[in-house]
Amino acid sequence: MGNLADQLAAKFGAETQEKEKPEGTLARLALIVAEATGRDVQEIQPSTRLRDGLGTSSLDLVEITVRTEEAFGVELEGRTVADFETVGDVVDFLDNTSR
């Protein structure tokens, strides 16, 4: 019979969709940065500067650091994302760090 969401969708003629998770390091990190800063995810590019390019506060940077560590299962080794200049620098670090 399906779950309740499927039943309601069938009754009201809508389709259920699971929230898609972005694939790839850049896409995942861009979503984290966008959610923490209130920016559109499309604005977050590899060349985006973390400190001055996004107008991030120190609390934003701590939030991005914690969420990045949780999402990727890594530790930034005593650093924060503020220690990286661009989003691309963080992506490179994450891609070169074993998970």
PDB file of N, CA and C in Angstrom:
ATOM      1  N   MET A   1       0.814  -1.188   0.000  1.00  0.00           N
ATOM      2  CA  MET A   1       0.000   0.000   0.000  1.00  0.00           C
ATOM      3  C   MET A   1       0.860   1.255   0.000  1.00  0.00           C
ATOM      4  N   GLY A   2       2.113   1.172   0.439  1.00  0.00           N
ATOM      5  CA  GLY A   2       2.992   2.339   0.416  1.00  0.00           C
ATOM      6  C   GLY A   2       2.940   3.112   1.717  1.00  0.00           C
ATOM      7  N   ASN A   3       3.884   4.007   1.861  1.00  0.00           N
ATOM      8  CA  ASN A   3       3.904   4.802   3.082  1.00  0.00           C
ATOM      9  C   ASN A   3       2.898   5.943   2.990  1.00  0.00           C
ATOM     10  N   LEU A   4       2.705   6.629   4.074  1.00  0.00           N
ATOM     11  CA  LEU A   4       1.715   7.699   4.136  1.00  0.00           C
ATOM     12  C   LEU A   4       1.986   8.790   3.110  1.00  0.00           C
ATOM     13  N   ALA A   5       3.243   9.146   2.926  1.00  0.00           N
ATOM     14  CA  ALA A   5       3.580  10.190   1.949  1.00  0.00           C
ATOM     15  C   ALA A   5       3.162   9.774   0.548  1.00  0.00           C
ATOM     16  N   ASP A   6       3.386   8.502   0.213  1.00  0.00           N
ATOM     17  CA  ASP A   6       2.982   8.003  -1.103  1.00  0.00           C
ATOM     18  C   ASP A   6       1.465   7.997  -1.247  1.00  0.00           C
ATOM     19  N   GLN A   7       0.767   7.606  -0.185  1.00  0.00           N
ATOM     20  CA  GLN A   7      -0.690   7.583  -0.220  1.00  0.00           C
ATOM     21  C   GLN A   7      -1.259   8.985  -0.400  1.00  0.00           C
ATOM     22  N   LEU A   8      -0.712   9.949   0.341  1.00  0.00           N
ATOM     23  CA  LEU A   8      -1.177  11.333   0.210  1.00  0.00           C
ATOM     24  C   LEU A   8      -0.866  11.888  -1.170  1.00  0.00           C
ATOM     25  N   ALA A   9       0.304  11.556  -1.674  1.00  0.00           N
ATOM     26  CA  ALA A   9       0.681  12.024  -3.008  1.00  0.00           C
ATOM     27  C   ALA A   9      -0.265  11.468  -4.059  1.00  0.00           C
ATOM     28  N   ALA A  10      -0.629  10.189  -3.919  1.00  0.00           N
ATOM     29  CA  ALA A  10      -1.550   9.581  -4.872  1.00  0.00           C
ATOM     30  C   ALA A  10      -2.924  10.229  -4.780  1.00  0.00           C
ATOM     31  N   LYS A  11      -3.367  10.499  -3.571  1.00  0.00           N
ATOM     32  CA  LYS A  11      -4.686  11.106  -3.372  1.00  0.00           C
ATOM     33  C   LYS A  11      -4.751  12.509  -3.954  1.00  0.00           C
ATOM     34  N   PHE A  12      -3.690  13.273  -3.795  1.00  0.00           N
ATOM     35  CA  PHE A  12      -3.704  14.665  -4.233  1.00  0.00           C
ATOM     36  C   PHE A  12      -2.996  14.879  -5.568  1.00  0.00           C
ATOM     37  N   GLY A  13      -2.614  13.786  -6.209  1.00  0.00           N
ATOM     38  CA  GLY A  13      -2.030  13.885  -7.544  1.00  0.00           C
ATOM     39  C   GLY A  13      -0.630  14.465  -7.577  1.00  0.00           C
ATOM     40  N   ALA A  14       0.086  14.348  -6.505  1.00  0.00           N
ATOM     41  CA  ALA A  14       1.455  14.873  -6.454  1.00  0.00           C
ATOM     42  C   ALA A  14       2.423  13.702  -6.381  1.00  0.00           C
ATOM     43  N   GLU A  15       3.633  13.977  -6.759  1.00  0.00           N
ATOM     44  CA  GLU A  15       4.668  12.957  -6.654  1.00  0.00           C
ATOM     45  C   GLU A  15       5.526  13.250  -5.442  1.00  0.00           C
ATOM     46  N   THR A  16       5.943  12.198  -4.770  1.00  0.00           N
ATOM     47  CA  THR A  16       6.854  12.391  -3.649  1.00  0.00           C
ATOM     48  C   THR A  16       8.270  12.398  -4.177  1.00  0.00           C
ATOM     49  N   GLN A  17       9.076  13.228  -3.579  1.00  0.00           N
ATOM     50  CA  GLN A  17      10.476  13.295  -3.961  1.00  0.00           C
ATOM     51  C   GLN A  17      11.314  13.324  -2.704  1.00  0.00           C
ATOM     52  N   GLU A  18      12.336  12.503  -2.712  1.00  0.00           N
ATOM     53  CA  GLU A  18      13.285  12.582  -1.623  1.00  0.00           C
ATOM     54  C   GLU A  18      14.203  13.746  -1.909  1.00  0.00           C
ATOM     55  N   LYS A  19      14.621  14.428  -0.851  1.00  0.00           N
ATOM     56  CA  LYS A  19      15.543  15.539  -1.035  1.00  0.00           C
ATOM     57  C   LYS A  19      16.854  14.991  -1.583  1.00  0.00           C
ATOM     58  N   GLU A  20      17.222  15.493  -2.737  1.00  0.00           N
ATOM     59  CA  GLU A  20      18.442  15.009  -3.365  1.00  0.00           C
ATOM     60  C   GLU A  20      19.659  15.572  -2.654  1.00  0.00           C
ATOM     61  N   LYS A  21      20.622  14.703  -2.424  1.00  0.00           N
ATOM     62  CA  LYS A  21      21.883  15.142  -1.845  1.00  0.00           C
ATOM     63  C   LYS A  21      22.844  15.413  -2.991  1.00  0.00           C
ATOM     64  N   PRO A  22      23.548  16.521  -2.912  1.00  0.00           N
ATOM     65  CA  PRO A  22      24.488  16.826  -3.989  1.00  0.00           C
ATOM     66  C   PRO A  22      25.630  15.822  -4.016  1.00  0.00           C
ATOM     67  N   GLU A  23      26.134  15.586  -5.201  1.00  0.00           N
ATOM     68  CA  GLU A  23      27.246  14.660  -5.357  1.00  0.00           C
ATOM     69  C   GLU A  23      28.512  15.438  -5.640  1.00  0.00           C
ATOM     70  N   GLY A  24      29.625  14.912  -5.197  1.00  0.00           N
ATOM     71  CA  GLY A  24      30.901  15.556  -5.429  1.00  0.00           C
ATOM     72  C   GLY A  24      31.257  16.491  -4.286  1.00  0.00           C
ATOM     73  N   THR A  25      32.540  16.606  -4.064  1.00  0.00           N
ATOM     74  CA  THR A  25      33.036  17.410  -2.952  1.00  0.00           C
ATOM     75  C   THR A  25      32.614  18.866  -3.071  1.00  0.00           C
ATOM     76  N   LEU A  26      32.789  19.467  -4.240  1.00  0.00           N
ATOM     77  CA  LEU A  26      32.435  20.875  -4.407  1.00  0.00           C
ATOM     78  C   LEU A  26      30.954  21.106  -4.167  1.00  0.00           C
ATOM     79  N   ALA A  27      30.105  20.274  -4.715  1.00  0.00           N
ATOM     80  CA  ALA A  27      28.661  20.449  -4.556  1.00  0.00           C
ATOM     81  C   ALA A  27      28.248  20.322  -3.095  1.00  0.00           C
ATOM     82  N   ARG A  28      28.815  19.346  -2.405  1.00  0.00           N
ATOM     83  CA  ARG A  28      28.482  19.144  -0.991  1.00  0.00           C
ATOM     84  C   ARG A  28      28.973  20.311  -0.138  1.00  0.00           C
ATOM     85  N   LEU A  29      30.205  20.755  -0.394  1.00  0.00           N
ATOM     86  CA  LEU A  29      30.750  21.873   0.372  1.00  0.00           C
ATOM     87  C   LEU A  29      29.996  23.161   0.055  1.00  0.00           C
ATOM     88  N   ALA A  30      29.657  23.372  -1.203  1.00  0.00           N
ATOM     89  CA  ALA A  30      28.920  24.575  -1.591  1.00  0.00           C
ATOM     90  C   ALA A  30      27.586  24.646  -0.862  1.00  0.00           C
ATOM     91  N   LEU A  31      26.916  23.516  -0.706  1.00  0.00           N
ATOM     92  CA  LEU A  31      25.648  23.490   0.018  1.00  0.00           C
ATOM     93  C   LEU A  31      25.848  23.867   1.484  1.00  0.00           C
ATOM     94  N   ILE A  32      26.895  23.345   2.095  1.00  0.00           N
ATOM     95  CA  ILE A  32      27.199  23.676   3.494  1.00  0.00           C
ATOM     96  C   ILE A  32      27.458  25.170   3.633  1.00  0.00           C
ATOM     97  N   VAL A  33      28.294  25.714   2.762  1.00  0.00           N
ATOM     98  CA  VAL A  33      28.640  27.140   2.813  1.00  0.00           C
ATOM     99  C   VAL A  33      27.399  27.995   2.565  1.00  0.00           C
ATOM    100  N   ALA A  34      26.600  27.618   1.586  1.00  0.00           N
ATOM    101  CA  ALA A  34      25.394  28.386   1.262  1.00  0.00           C
ATOM    102  C   ALA A  34      24.416  28.397   2.431  1.00  0.00           C
ATOM    103  N   GLU A  35      24.219  27.247   3.061  1.00  0.00           N
ATOM    104  CA  GLU A  35      23.299  27.173   4.192  1.00  0.00           C
ATOM    105  C   GLU A  35      23.797  27.990   5.379  1.00  0.00           C
ATOM    106  N   ALA A  36      25.097  27.999   5.611  1.00  0.00           N
ATOM    107  CA  ALA A  36      25.663  28.732   6.746  1.00  0.00           C
ATOM    108  C   ALA A  36      25.660  30.239   6.527  1.00  0.00           C
ATOM    109  N   THR A  37      25.778  30.653   5.275  1.00  0.00           N
ATOM    110  CA  THR A  37      25.906  32.087   4.982  1.00  0.00           C
ATOM    111  C   THR A  37      24.634  32.721   4.446  1.00  0.00           C
ATOM    112  N   GLY A  38      23.657  31.899   4.087  1.00  0.00           N
ATOM    113  CA  GLY A  38      22.428  32.428   3.509  1.00  0.00           C
ATOM    114  C   GLY A  38      22.573  32.814   2.046  1.00  0.00           C
ATOM    115  N   ARG A  39      23.664  32.411   1.437  1.00  0.00           N
ATOM    116  CA  ARG A  39      23.904  32.703   0.015  1.00  0.00           C
ATOM    117  C   ARG A  39      23.258  31.633  -0.846  1.00  0.00           C
ATOM    118  N   ASP A  40      23.058  31.964  -2.114  1.00  0.00           N
ATOM    119  CA  ASP A  40      22.578  30.989  -3.087  1.00  0.00           C
ATOM    120  C   ASP A  40      23.719  30.027  -3.398  1.00  0.00           C
ATOM    121  N   VAL A  41      23.411  28.755  -3.451  1.00  0.00           N
ATOM    122  CA  VAL A  41      24.449  27.748  -3.684  1.00  0.00           C
ATOM    123  C   VAL A  41      25.162  27.981  -5.016  1.00  0.00           C
ATOM    124  N   GLN A  42      24.477  28.583  -5.981  1.00  0.00           N
ATOM    125  CA  GLN A  42      25.089  28.853  -7.283  1.00  0.00           C
ATOM    126  C   GLN A  42      26.201  29.899  -7.195  1.00  0.00           C
ATOM    127  N   GLU A  43      26.193  30.705  -6.136  1.00  0.00           N
ATOM    128  CA  GLU A  43      27.230  31.721  -5.947  1.00  0.00           C
ATOM    129  C   GLU A  43      28.549  31.125  -5.466  1.00  0.00           C
ATOM    130  N   ILE A  44      28.494  29.924  -4.936  1.00  0.00           N
ATOM    131  CA  ILE A  44      29.670  29.307  -4.321  1.00  0.00           C
ATOM    132  C   ILE A  44      30.455  28.563  -5.393  1.00  0.00           C
ATOM    133  N   GLN A  45      31.604  29.091  -5.739  1.00  0.00           N
ATOM    134  CA  GLN A  45      32.466  28.534  -6.780  1.00  0.00           C
ATOM    135  C   GLN A  45      33.835  28.204  -6.170  1.00  0.00           C
ATOM    136  N   PRO A  46      34.662  27.420  -6.854  1.00  0.00           N
ATOM    137  CA  PRO A  46      35.993  27.113  -6.315  1.00  0.00           C
ATOM    138  C   PRO A  46      36.817  28.364  -6.013  1.00  0.00           C
ATOM    139  N   SER A  47      36.633  29.414  -6.782  1.00  0.00           N
ATOM    140  CA  SER A  47      37.416  30.641  -6.580  1.00  0.00           C
ATOM    141  C   SER A  47      36.834  31.570  -5.517  1.00  0.00           C
ATOM    142  N   THR A  48      35.685  31.203  -4.949  1.00  0.00           N
ATOM    143  CA  THR A  48      35.049  32.045  -3.937  1.00  0.00           C
ATOM    144  C   THR A  48      35.928  32.126  -2.703  1.00  0.00           C
ATOM    145  N   ARG A  49      36.242  33.345  -2.293  1.00  0.00           N
ATOM    146  CA  ARG A  49      37.051  33.559  -1.090  1.00  0.00           C
ATOM    147  C   ARG A  49      36.167  33.359   0.137  1.00  0.00           C
ATOM    148  N   LEU A  50      36.678  32.592   1.082  1.00  0.00           N
ATOM    149  CA  LEU A  50      35.877  32.245   2.250  1.00  0.00           C
ATOM    150  C   LEU A  50      35.683  33.410   3.213  1.00  0.00           C
ATOM    151  N   ARG A  51      36.712  34.205   3.412  1.00  0.00           N
ATOM    152  CA  ARG A  51      36.603  35.277   4.405  1.00  0.00           C
ATOM    153  C   ARG A  51      35.987  36.540   3.823  1.00  0.00           C
ATOM    154  N   ASP A  52      36.585  37.079   2.795  1.00  0.00           N
ATOM    155  CA  ASP A  52      36.107  38.364   2.300  1.00  0.00           C
ATOM    156  C   ASP A  52      35.156  38.250   1.114  1.00  0.00           C
ATOM    157  N   GLY A  53      35.090  37.107   0.478  1.00  0.00           N
ATOM    158  CA  GLY A  53      34.233  36.956  -0.687  1.00  0.00           C
ATOM    159  C   GLY A  53      32.778  36.706  -0.356  1.00  0.00           C
ATOM    160  N   LEU A  54      32.519  36.214   0.834  1.00  0.00           N
ATOM    161  CA  LEU A  54      31.152  35.870   1.220  1.00  0.00           C
ATOM    162  C   LEU A  54      30.606  36.737   2.341  1.00  0.00           C
ATOM    163  N   GLY A  55      31.442  37.570   2.907  1.00  0.00           N
ATOM    164  CA  GLY A  55      31.001  38.381   4.034  1.00  0.00           C
ATOM    165  C   GLY A  55      30.687  37.528   5.255  1.00  0.00           C
ATOM    166  N   THR A  56      31.462  36.474   5.452  1.00  0.00           N
ATOM    167  CA  THR A  56      31.215  35.560   6.558  1.00  0.00           C
ATOM    168  C   THR A  56      31.732  36.122   7.874  1.00  0.00           C
ATOM    169  N   SER A  57      30.993  35.837   8.919  1.00  0.00           N
ATOM    170  CA  SER A  57      31.436  36.192  10.262  1.00  0.00           C
ATOM    171  C   SER A  57      32.295  35.054  10.796  1.00  0.00           C
ATOM    172  N   SER A  58      32.947  35.297  11.914  1.00  0.00           N
ATOM    173  CA  SER A  58      33.761  34.238  12.510  1.00  0.00           C
ATOM    174  C   SER A  58      32.876  33.063  12.937  1.00  0.00           C
ATOM    175  N   LEU A  59      31.656  33.346  13.366  1.00  0.00           N
ATOM    176  CA  LEU A  59      30.740  32.265  13.736  1.00  0.00           C
ATOM    177  C   LEU A  59      30.322  31.448  12.517  1.00  0.00           C
ATOM    178  N   ASP A  60      30.113  32.118  11.381  1.00  0.00           N
ATOM    179  CA  ASP A  60      29.806  31.401  10.137  1.00  0.00           C
ATOM    180  C   ASP A  60      30.932  30.432   9.806  1.00  0.00           C
ATOM    181  N   LEU A  61      32.164  30.895   9.944  1.00  0.00           N
ATOM    182  CA  LEU A  61      33.325  30.069   9.607  1.00  0.00           C
ATOM    183  C   LEU A  61      33.441  28.862  10.533  1.00  0.00           C
ATOM    184  N   VAL A  62      33.129  29.059  11.811  1.00  0.00           N
ATOM    185  CA  VAL A  62      33.146  27.933  12.752  1.00  0.00           C
ATOM    186  C   VAL A  62      32.046  26.941  12.379  1.00  0.00           C
ATOM    187  N   GLU A  63      30.857  27.447  12.051  1.00  0.00           N
ATOM    188  CA  GLU A  63      29.757  26.568  11.646  1.00  0.00           C
ATOM    189  C   GLU A  63      30.118  25.774  10.390  1.00  0.00           C
ATOM    190  N   ILE A  64      30.705  26.440   9.417  1.00  0.00           N
ATOM    191  CA  ILE A  64      31.115  25.764   8.182  1.00  0.00           C
ATOM    192  C   ILE A  64      32.153  24.691   8.493  1.00  0.00           C
ATOM    193  N   THR A  65      33.090  25.011   9.382  1.00  0.00           N
ATOM    194  CA  THR A  65      34.125  24.047   9.767  1.00  0.00           C
ATOM    195  C   THR A  65      33.508  22.803  10.393  1.00  0.00           C
ATOM    196  N   VAL A  66      32.643  22.994  11.370  1.00  0.00           N
ATOM    197  CA  VAL A  66      32.031  21.866  12.077  1.00  0.00           C
ATOM    198  C   VAL A  66      31.183  21.027  11.125  1.00  0.00           C
ATOM    199  N   ARG A  67      30.376  21.683  10.318  1.00  0.00           N
ATOM    200  CA  ARG A  67      29.507  20.953   9.388  1.00  0.00           C
ATOM    201  C   ARG A  67      30.322  20.215   8.321  1.00  0.00           C
ATOM    202  N   THR A  68      31.426  20.820   7.895  1.00  0.00           N
ATOM    203  CA  THR A  68      32.296  20.162   6.914  1.00  0.00           C
ATOM    204  C   THR A  68      32.927  18.915   7.515  1.00  0.00           C
ATOM    205  N   GLU A  69      33.430  19.040   8.740  1.00  0.00           N
ATOM    206  CA  GLU A  69      34.036  17.880   9.403  1.00  0.00           C
ATOM    207  C   GLU A  69      33.020  16.752   9.557  1.00  0.00           C
ATOM    208  N   GLU A  70      31.796  17.097   9.948  1.00  0.00           N
ATOM    209  CA  GLU A  70      30.754  16.084  10.121  1.00  0.00           C
ATOM    210  C   GLU A  70      30.358  15.454   8.785  1.00  0.00           C
ATOM    211  N   ALA A  71      30.164  16.275   7.775  1.00  0.00           N
ATOM    212  CA  ALA A  71      29.689  15.785   6.477  1.00  0.00           C
ATOM    213  C   ALA A  71      30.709  14.905   5.771  1.00  0.00           C
ATOM    214  N   PHE A  72      31.983  15.244   5.936  1.00  0.00           N
ATOM    215  CA  PHE A  72      33.024  14.519   5.209  1.00  0.00           C
ATOM    216  C   PHE A  72      33.778  13.522   6.085  1.00  0.00           C
ATOM    217  N   GLY A  73      33.469  13.493   7.374  1.00  0.00           N
ATOM    218  CA  GLY A  73      34.122  12.545   8.267  1.00  0.00           C
ATOM    219  C   GLY A  73      35.609  12.788   8.419  1.00  0.00           C
ATOM    220  N   VAL A  74      36.011  14.051   8.426  1.00  0.00           N
ATOM    221  CA  VAL A  74      37.424  14.406   8.557  1.00  0.00           C
ATOM    222  C   VAL A  74      37.592  15.427   9.669  1.00  0.00           C
ATOM    223  N   GLU A  75      38.826  15.591  10.094  1.00  0.00           N
ATOM    224  CA  GLU A  75      39.182  16.685  10.988  1.00  0.00           C
ATOM    225  C   GLU A  75      40.084  17.612  10.207  1.00  0.00           C
ATOM    226  N   LEU A  76      39.896  18.887  10.389  1.00  0.00           N
ATOM    227  CA  LEU A  76      40.726  19.853   9.672  1.00  0.00           C
ATOM    228  C   LEU A  76      42.046  20.088  10.392  1.00  0.00           C
ATOM    229  N   GLU A  77      42.404  19.146  11.249  1.00  0.00           N
ATOM    230  CA  GLU A  77      43.719  19.116  11.887  1.00  0.00           C
ATOM    231  C   GLU A  77      44.050  20.408  12.618  1.00  0.00           C
ATOM    232  N   GLY A  78      43.141  20.825  13.496  1.00  0.00           N
ATOM    233  CA  GLY A  78      43.379  22.023  14.289  1.00  0.00           C
ATOM    234  C   GLY A  78      43.161  23.317  13.542  1.00  0.00           C
ATOM    235  N   ARG A  79      42.691  23.220  12.321  1.00  0.00           N
ATOM    236  CA  ARG A  79      42.437  24.419  11.525  1.00  0.00           C
ATOM    237  C   ARG A  79      40.936  24.632  11.411  1.00  0.00           C
ATOM    238  N   THR A  80      40.576  25.781  10.858  1.00  0.00           N
ATOM    239  CA  THR A  80      39.192  26.042  10.486  1.00  0.00           C
ATOM    240  C   THR A  80      39.194  26.378   9.005  1.00  0.00           C
ATOM    241  N   VAL A  81      38.019  26.478   8.418  1.00  0.00           N
ATOM    242  CA  VAL A  81      37.979  26.842   7.005  1.00  0.00           C
ATOM    243  C   VAL A  81      38.546  28.235   6.784  1.00  0.00           C
ATOM    244  N   ALA A  82      38.629  29.030   7.837  1.00  0.00           N
ATOM    245  CA  ALA A  82      39.218  30.370   7.718  1.00  0.00           C
ATOM    246  C   ALA A  82      40.699  30.303   7.359  1.00  0.00           C
ATOM    247  N   ASP A  83      41.324  29.166   7.620  1.00  0.00           N
ATOM    248  CA  ASP A  83      42.739  29.000   7.291  1.00  0.00           C
ATOM    249  C   ASP A  83      42.964  28.701   5.808  1.00  0.00           C
ATOM    250  N   PHE A  84      41.890  28.454   5.091  1.00  0.00           N
ATOM    251  CA  PHE A  84      41.957  28.233   3.650  1.00  0.00           C
ATOM    252  C   PHE A  84      41.502  29.516   2.963  1.00  0.00           C
ATOM    253  N   GLU A  85      42.104  29.846   1.855  1.00  0.00           N
ATOM    254  CA  GLU A  85      41.751  31.092   1.182  1.00  0.00           C
ATOM    255  C   GLU A  85      40.453  30.988   0.394  1.00  0.00           C
ATOM    256  N   THR A  86      40.287  29.893  -0.348  1.00  0.00           N
ATOM    257  CA  THR A  86      39.112  29.762  -1.211  1.00  0.00           C
ATOM    258  C   THR A  86      38.372  28.453  -0.948  1.00  0.00           C
ATOM    259  N   VAL A  87      37.164  28.381  -1.464  1.00  0.00           N
ATOM    260  CA  VAL A  87      36.388  27.147  -1.400  1.00  0.00           C
ATOM    261  C   VAL A  87      37.162  26.022  -2.088  1.00  0.00           C
ATOM    262  N   GLY A  88      37.798  26.327  -3.203  1.00  0.00           N
ATOM    263  CA  GLY A  88      38.586  25.333  -3.931  1.00  0.00           C
ATOM    264  C   GLY A  88      39.725  24.767  -3.105  1.00  0.00           C
ATOM    265  N   ASP A  89      40.331  25.597  -2.252  1.00  0.00           N
ATOM    266  CA  ASP A  89      41.398  25.110  -1.374  1.00  0.00           C
ATOM    267  C   ASP A  89      40.859  24.068  -0.393  1.00  0.00           C
ATOM    268  N   VAL A  90      39.657  24.300   0.123  1.00  0.00           N
ATOM    269  CA  VAL A  90      39.041  23.331   1.038  1.00  0.00           C
ATOM    270  C   VAL A  90      38.710  22.047   0.278  1.00  0.00           C
ATOM    271  N   VAL A  91      38.175  22.183  -0.924  1.00  0.00           N
ATOM    272  CA  VAL A  91      37.851  21.017  -1.754  1.00  0.00           C
ATOM    273  C   VAL A  91      39.107  20.187  -2.002  1.00  0.00           C
ATOM    274  N   ASP A  92      40.206  20.842  -2.355  1.00  0.00           N
ATOM    275  CA  ASP A  92      41.467  20.125  -2.589  1.00  0.00           C
ATOM    276  C   ASP A  92      41.908  19.374  -1.341  1.00  0.00           C
ATOM    277  N   PHE A  93      41.826  20.034  -0.188  1.00  0.00           N
ATOM    278  CA  PHE A  93      42.188  19.393   1.071  1.00  0.00           C
ATOM    279  C   PHE A  93      41.319  18.157   1.311  1.00  0.00           C
ATOM    280  N   LEU A  94      40.004  18.319   1.146  1.00  0.00           N
ATOM    281  CA  LEU A  94      39.082  17.214   1.392  1.00  0.00           C
ATOM    282  C   LEU A  94      39.323  16.058   0.424  1.00  0.00           C
ATOM    283  N   ASP A  95      39.567  16.387  -0.837  1.00  0.00           N
ATOM    284  CA  ASP A  95      39.810  15.344  -1.839  1.00  0.00           C
ATOM    285  C   ASP A  95      41.112  14.593  -1.588  1.00  0.00           C
ATOM    286  N   ASN A  96      42.067  15.238  -0.934  1.00  0.00           N
ATOM    287  CA  ASN A  96      43.365  14.615  -0.677  1.00  0.00           C
ATOM    288  C   ASN A  96      43.476  14.003   0.714  1.00  0.00           C
ATOM    289  N   THR A  97      42.399  14.057   1.469  1.00  0.00           N
ATOM    290  CA  THR A  97      42.377  13.507   2.819  1.00  0.00           C
ATOM    291  C   THR A  97      41.574  12.217   2.799  1.00  0.00           C
ATOM    292  N   SER A  98      42.160  11.174   3.318  1.00  0.00           N
ATOM    293  CA  SER A  98      41.418   9.905   3.340  1.00  0.00           C
ATOM    294  C   SER A  98      40.258  10.029   4.304  1.00  0.00           C
ATOM    295  N   ARG A  99      39.162   9.432   3.925  1.00  0.00           N
ATOM    296  CA  ARG A  99      37.943   9.518   4.741  1.00  0.00           C
ATOM    297  C   ARG A  99      37.797   8.298   5.587  1.00  0.00           C
TER     298      ARG A  99
END
